[in-house]
Protein backbone atom coordinates (compact mmCIF):
# COMPACT_ATOMS: atom_id res chain seq x y z
CA MET A 1 123.59 27.43 45.64
CA GLY A 2 126.67 29.33 46.68
CA LYS A 3 130.11 28.12 46.92
CA ILE A 4 130.94 26.20 50.04
CA ARG A 5 134.48 26.16 51.20
CA ILE A 6 135.53 24.37 54.36
CA ASN A 7 138.72 25.01 56.00
CA SER A 8 140.89 22.12 57.80
CA GLU A 9 139.67 23.50 61.11
CA GLU A 10 136.05 23.41 60.11
CA LEU A 11 136.60 19.91 58.79
CA LYS A 12 138.08 18.78 62.13
CA TYR A 13 134.93 20.12 63.97
CA MET A 14 132.62 18.50 61.46
CA THR A 15 134.28 15.13 61.99
CA LEU A 16 134.37 15.35 65.74
CA PHE A 17 130.59 16.38 65.80
CA GLU A 18 129.55 13.42 63.48
CA THR A 19 131.56 11.07 65.56
CA MET A 20 130.29 12.25 68.94
CA THR A 21 126.56 12.57 67.82
CA GLY A 22 126.03 10.16 64.77
CA ALA A 23 124.24 13.02 62.84
CA MET A 24 125.62 13.90 59.35
CA ILE A 25 126.98 17.31 58.71
CA LYS A 26 126.30 19.39 55.66
CA ASP A 27 128.20 22.54 56.60
CA CYS A 28 129.88 24.15 59.47
CA ILE A 29 130.89 27.93 60.10
CA GLN A 30 132.68 29.78 62.73
CA GLU A 31 131.85 33.27 64.14
CA ASP A 32 133.98 34.53 67.00
CA GLU A 33 133.60 31.78 69.76
CA SER A 34 130.75 30.09 68.31
CA ILE A 35 130.49 27.15 65.74
CA GLY A 36 127.56 26.48 63.87
CA PHE A 37 126.59 23.12 62.31
CA VAL A 38 124.07 22.37 59.61
CA VAL A 39 122.87 18.80 60.05
CA LYS A 40 121.06 16.69 57.30
CA LYS A 41 117.35 16.64 57.27
CA GLY A 42 116.08 14.37 59.88
CA ASP A 43 119.22 14.24 61.87
CA MET A 44 118.35 16.92 64.40
CA GLY A 45 117.30 14.47 67.21
CA LEU A 46 120.66 12.64 66.85
CA ALA A 47 122.60 15.89 66.95
CA ILE A 48 120.81 17.04 70.17
CA GLY A 49 120.73 13.63 71.93
CA LYS A 50 118.73 12.67 74.94
CA ALA A 51 118.09 15.93 76.96
CA GLY A 52 120.73 17.79 74.92
CA ALA A 53 123.45 15.45 76.09
CA ASN A 54 125.20 15.16 72.70
CA ILE A 55 125.30 19.07 72.17
CA GLU A 56 126.82 19.42 75.67
CA ARG A 57 129.47 16.77 74.92
CA VAL A 58 130.44 18.58 71.73
CA LYS A 59 130.62 21.92 73.59
CA ARG A 60 132.91 20.57 76.36
CA ALA A 61 135.17 18.86 73.73
CA LEU A 62 135.46 22.04 71.68
CA GLY A 63 135.31 24.56 74.43
CA LYS A 64 133.06 26.91 72.28
CA GLU A 65 129.44 27.81 72.10
CA ILE A 66 127.60 25.32 69.78
CA TRP A 67 124.67 26.15 67.37
CA VAL A 68 122.94 23.51 65.44
CA THR A 69 120.25 23.82 62.69
CA GLU A 70 118.62 21.54 60.23
CA PHE A 71 119.06 21.70 56.59
CA SER A 72 116.05 22.05 54.23
CA ASP A 73 115.98 22.51 50.44
CA ASP A 74 113.02 24.89 50.99
CA LEU A 75 114.48 28.50 51.82
CA SER A 76 111.74 29.54 54.09
CA GLU A 77 111.95 26.23 56.00
CA PHE A 78 115.75 26.55 56.32
CA ILE A 79 115.50 30.16 57.56
CA LYS A 80 112.80 29.16 60.23
CA ASN A 81 115.14 26.36 61.14
CA ILE A 82 118.14 28.61 61.75
CA PHE A 83 116.29 30.88 64.12
CA GLN A 84 114.30 27.98 66.08
CA PRO A 85 112.78 28.20 68.50
CA THR A 86 112.10 32.00 67.89
CA ARG A 87 108.74 32.30 65.98
CA ILE A 88 109.38 34.16 62.47
CA ARG A 89 106.08 35.73 61.65
CA GLN A 90 106.80 36.17 58.03
CA ILE A 91 109.51 35.58 55.40
CA ARG A 92 109.73 37.63 52.19
CA VAL A 93 112.21 37.04 49.43
CA GLY A 94 112.74 39.86 47.14
CA THR A 95 115.44 41.99 45.19
CA ILE A 96 116.67 45.25 46.46
CA GLU A 97 119.11 47.04 44.39
CA ASN A 98 120.09 43.91 42.46
CA GLU A 99 120.59 41.81 45.47
CA LYS A 100 118.55 38.86 46.71
CA VAL A 101 117.34 39.68 50.16
CA VAL A 102 115.22 37.92 52.76
CA THR A 103 113.12 39.91 55.30
CA LEU A 104 112.21 38.55 58.33
CA GLU A 105 109.29 39.97 60.24
CA VAL A 106 109.58 38.99 64.04
CA SER A 107 107.88 40.32 67.14
CA LYS A 108 109.90 43.14 68.75
CA LYS A 109 110.53 41.07 72.00
CA ASP A 110 112.27 38.39 69.69
CA THR A 111 114.60 40.66 68.00
CA LYS A 112 117.56 40.27 70.26
CA LYS A 113 117.07 36.39 70.03
CA VAL A 114 117.24 36.49 66.21
CA ILE A 115 120.36 38.92 66.14
CA GLY A 116 122.06 36.80 68.85
CA HIS A 117 125.02 37.58 71.33
CA ASN A 118 127.35 40.06 69.57
CA GLY A 119 125.16 39.54 66.32
CA ASN A 120 126.70 36.02 65.97
CA ARG A 121 123.43 34.39 65.05
CA ILE A 122 122.38 36.77 62.31
CA LYS A 123 125.99 36.79 60.93
CA MET A 124 125.83 33.00 60.69
CA ALA A 125 122.34 33.10 59.31
CA LYS A 126 123.57 35.37 56.51
CA LYS A 127 126.56 33.27 55.69
CA LEU A 128 124.59 30.06 55.51
CA ALA A 129 121.82 31.59 53.38
CA GLU A 130 124.55 32.93 51.08
CA ARG A 131 126.19 29.64 50.84
CA HIS A 132 123.18 27.49 50.40
CA PHE A 133 120.72 29.82 48.61
CA SER A 134 122.80 32.59 47.10
CA ILE A 135 121.02 35.22 49.32
CA ASP A 136 122.89 38.39 49.58
CA ASP A 137 121.29 39.75 52.86
CA ILE A 138 118.83 39.16 55.58
CA LYS A 139 117.13 42.05 57.04
CA ILE A 140 114.98 41.99 60.31
CA LYS A 141 111.71 43.90 60.68
CA SER A 142 110.48 44.23 64.17
CA VAL A 143 106.75 44.53 64.78
CA TYR A 144 104.46 44.55 67.71
């Protein structure tokens, strides 16, 4: 597991999220105008709320785009959770030039969803994979 450093602003976001949703937060990261939260396994329902009400309340309170994923001790499950609801066809973990790399095989039509607006989703995924599993990079392979 990589080193997780949370700054005071992220700590403030985590506290607000936990207070508003009741979900326990394991990690929080920022990328441009988006904030990503990693909730404890089993707390995704609390985080989302009925019909997404909790997420919407947090979005309004923070004035930023919110992204939530559920933690897992299993790397493959964690990666799948990050990219929900996009279907990941295959996840391979290997070493390329002394770096631990995860390769995601996704449908060509889902590539944009995996990358996210301005690349924010893949950037957050890379940071989270590095922080929680010491992964150096995530590569995307688009297939038909």
